[in-house]
Protein backbone atom coordinates (compact mmCIF):
# COMPACT_ATOMS: atom_id res chain seq x y z
CA MET A 1 -0.06 0.12 0.00
CA ALA A 2 1.38 3.26 -1.08
CA ASP A 3 2.24 6.00 1.70
CA THR A 4 -0.79 8.41 1.68
CA PRO A 5 -0.20 11.84 3.27
CA THR A 6 -2.23 12.83 6.24
CA SER A 7 -4.64 15.48 5.78
CA THR A 8 -2.28 17.80 7.73
CA GLU A 9 0.66 16.84 5.42
CA GLN A 10 -1.52 17.61 2.23
CA HIS A 11 -2.61 20.87 3.79
CA ARG A 12 0.99 22.03 4.20
CA GLN A 13 1.86 20.88 0.57
CA GLU A 14 -1.01 22.98 -0.51
CA ALA A 15 0.10 25.94 1.56
CA PRO A 16 1.45 29.18 0.21
CA ARG A 17 5.18 29.13 0.04
CA THR A 18 5.38 32.87 1.39
CA VAL A 19 3.24 35.09 3.60
CA ALA A 20 3.19 38.94 3.63
CA CYS A 21 3.92 39.83 7.43
CA ARG A 22 3.88 42.79 9.49
CA ILE A 23 5.99 42.71 12.58
CA ILE A 24 4.79 45.06 15.84
CA THR A 25 6.95 45.34 18.89
CA VAL A 26 4.98 46.49 21.96
CA SER A 27 7.52 48.42 24.17
CA ASP A 28 8.06 51.69 26.00
CA THR A 29 11.66 51.29 25.85
CA ARG A 30 12.91 49.63 22.65
CA THR A 31 13.88 51.48 19.53
CA PRO A 32 14.46 49.84 16.10
CA GLU A 33 18.27 49.71 17.13
CA THR A 34 17.71 47.73 20.40
CA ASP A 35 14.64 45.54 19.38
CA SER A 36 16.38 42.35 19.31
CA SER A 37 12.96 40.51 19.26
CA GLY A 38 11.74 42.35 16.44
CA GLN A 39 14.85 41.83 14.57
CA LEU A 40 14.84 38.07 15.23
CA ILE A 41 11.29 37.68 13.98
CA ARG A 42 12.32 39.42 10.81
CA ARG A 43 15.30 37.20 10.42
CA LEU A 44 13.56 34.00 10.94
CA LEU A 45 10.58 35.06 8.57
CA THR A 46 12.99 35.94 5.69
CA GLU A 47 15.18 32.93 6.21
CA HIS A 48 11.99 30.75 5.66
CA GLY A 49 10.89 32.75 2.71
CA TYR A 50 8.15 35.04 4.19
CA ALA A 51 7.91 38.73 3.12
CA ILE A 52 8.19 41.57 5.42
CA THR A 53 5.53 44.37 4.59
CA GLY A 54 6.25 46.42 7.54
CA TYR A 55 7.58 46.95 11.06
CA GLY A 56 6.65 49.26 13.85
CA ILE A 57 7.13 49.79 17.62
CA VAL A 58 4.19 50.88 19.53
CA LYS A 59 3.93 51.85 23.30
CA ASP A 60 2.44 49.53 25.62
CA ASP A 61 -0.99 51.53 25.37
CA TYR A 62 -4.24 49.61 24.76
CA ASP A 63 -5.70 52.15 22.17
CA GLY A 64 -2.46 52.42 20.47
CA ILE A 65 -1.84 48.60 20.01
CA ARG A 66 -5.45 48.30 18.87
CA ALA A 67 -4.95 51.09 16.39
CA LEU A 68 -1.97 49.79 14.76
CA LEU A 69 -3.24 46.16 14.65
CA ARG A 70 -6.34 47.35 12.95
CA GLU A 71 -4.42 49.39 10.45
CA ALA A 72 -2.13 46.32 9.72
CA ALA A 73 -5.12 43.96 9.64
CA ASP A 74 -7.03 46.14 7.13
CA ALA A 75 -3.93 46.65 4.85
CA PRO A 76 -4.56 44.49 1.59
CA ALA A 77 -0.90 43.65 1.48
CA VAL A 78 -0.74 42.19 4.97
CA GLU A 79 -1.65 38.58 5.43
CA ALA A 80 -0.20 38.08 9.01
CA VAL A 81 0.68 40.24 11.91
CA LEU A 82 3.24 39.11 14.43
CA LEU A 83 3.44 40.97 17.75
CA ASN A 84 6.06 40.63 20.44
CA GLY A 85 5.92 42.30 23.94
CA GLY A 86 3.22 43.49 26.56
CA THR A 87 1.77 40.02 27.23
CA GLY A 88 2.65 39.69 30.91
CA ILE A 89 0.42 40.44 33.89
CA ALA A 90 1.94 43.72 35.02
CA GLY A 91 -0.44 46.58 35.20
CA ARG A 92 1.06 48.03 32.02
CA ASP A 93 0.79 44.93 29.96
CA THR A 94 -2.21 45.41 27.57
CA THR A 95 -1.22 43.53 24.45
CA PHE A 96 -3.29 40.52 25.33
CA GLU A 97 -6.49 42.62 25.83
CA ALA A 98 -6.00 44.70 22.94
CA VAL A 99 -5.31 41.77 20.52
CA ARG A 100 -8.28 39.59 21.88
CA SER A 101 -10.60 42.61 21.63
CA LEU A 102 -10.17 42.53 17.78
CA LEU A 103 -10.02 38.81 16.97
CA ASP A 104 -12.90 37.24 15.12
CA LYS A 105 -11.53 33.82 15.87
CA GLU A 106 -9.17 32.79 18.24
CA MET A 107 -6.60 29.85 17.93
CA PRO A 108 -6.24 28.89 21.94
CA GLY A 109 -3.97 26.16 20.83
CA PHE A 110 -1.10 28.63 20.11
CA GLY A 111 -1.06 30.02 23.66
CA GLU A 112 -1.60 26.66 25.13
CA ILE A 113 1.38 24.91 23.38
CA PHE A 114 3.36 27.90 23.73
CA ARG A 115 3.06 27.73 27.49
CA MET A 116 3.49 23.90 27.52
CA LEU A 117 6.83 24.34 25.51
CA SER A 118 7.85 27.20 27.65
CA PHE A 119 7.26 25.06 30.78
CA THR A 120 8.98 22.05 29.62
CA GLU A 121 11.91 23.48 27.58
CA ASP A 122 12.47 27.06 29.12
CA ILE A 123 11.35 28.61 32.13
CA GLY A 124 9.39 26.06 34.02
CA SER A 125 6.47 27.16 36.26
CA ALA A 126 6.97 31.00 35.38
CA ALA A 127 5.11 29.92 32.11
CA ILE A 128 1.99 30.64 33.70
CA LEU A 129 2.52 34.33 33.54
CA SER A 130 2.62 34.25 29.61
CA ARG A 131 -0.31 35.47 27.89
CA ALA A 132 0.51 34.49 24.38
CA ILE A 133 -2.51 34.59 22.02
CA ALA A 134 -3.18 34.11 18.41
CA GLY A 135 -6.31 34.04 16.05
CA THR A 136 -7.66 35.91 12.91
CA ILE A 137 -9.11 39.45 12.06
CA GLY A 138 -11.04 38.62 8.86
CA ARG A 139 -8.54 36.81 6.72
CA THR A 140 -5.39 38.17 8.63
CA ALA A 141 -3.52 35.69 10.92
CA VAL A 142 -2.51 37.33 14.26
CA PHE A 143 0.22 36.01 16.53
CA SER A 144 1.08 37.78 19.95
CA MET A 145 3.99 36.37 21.89
CA PRO A 146 6.05 37.67 24.75
CA GLY A 147 8.84 40.08 24.05
CA SER A 148 12.01 38.10 25.29
CA THR A 149 14.32 36.93 22.52
CA GLY A 150 13.94 33.45 24.15
CA ALA A 151 10.14 33.57 23.98
CA VAL A 152 10.27 34.85 20.36
CA LYS A 153 12.71 32.13 19.23
CA LEU A 154 10.65 29.40 20.85
CA ALA A 155 7.27 30.76 19.40
CA MET A 156 8.92 31.29 15.83
CA THR A 157 10.59 28.13 15.57
CA ARG A 158 8.26 25.72 17.13
CA LEU A 159 4.96 27.13 16.07
CA ILE A 160 4.80 30.21 13.88
CA VAL A 161 7.21 29.47 11.15
CA PRO A 162 6.20 25.76 10.82
CA GLU A 163 2.47 26.44 10.61
CA LEU A 164 2.12 30.00 9.12
CA GLY A 165 1.69 28.69 5.56
CA HIS A 166 -0.85 26.06 6.70
CA VAL A 167 -2.79 28.75 8.63
CA MET A 168 -2.91 30.99 5.45
CA ARG A 169 -4.30 27.99 3.57
CA GLU A 170 -7.15 27.60 5.96
CA LEU A 171 -7.96 31.17 5.98
CA TYR A 172 -8.11 31.59 2.01
CA LYS A 173 -9.06 27.97 0.98
CA ASP A 174 -12.77 29.26 0.31
CA LYS A 175 -11.79 32.42 -1.40
């Protein structure tokens, strides 16, 4: 009997090879020169053939985050938005609330698996403090991860880069 690909393998084979991505760093202190996490996202995306359509830094401010995310999601040239920073539980951390308020559909598995991987591979029980979240706004995929370079590397290499094309295939298959 010939090996038949699983539906997940078939979906990955049908997935687009590139995705147009906007990067948003949420920080009160970072600049483009000191934003190592934003730079890491850019490097990992381009190494895997994804396109960067824009990059910006926004203060950790609920309304500012929402406005920049809404603008990115409404831009025809943007298929995915990747945010980093502001996902903790400190009073100033509002990324989770801002992102969640705009999502049409949430992908709870992203945050669940990110925290599980963080727990087992990286930071142990401190993983409970992470509020990573992903979902969709219309046909735009949104991924929000913590701002540390370790967290970004984990989210990008273990979850986002391997599945981004598959996510886009699902969002656009009925188009």
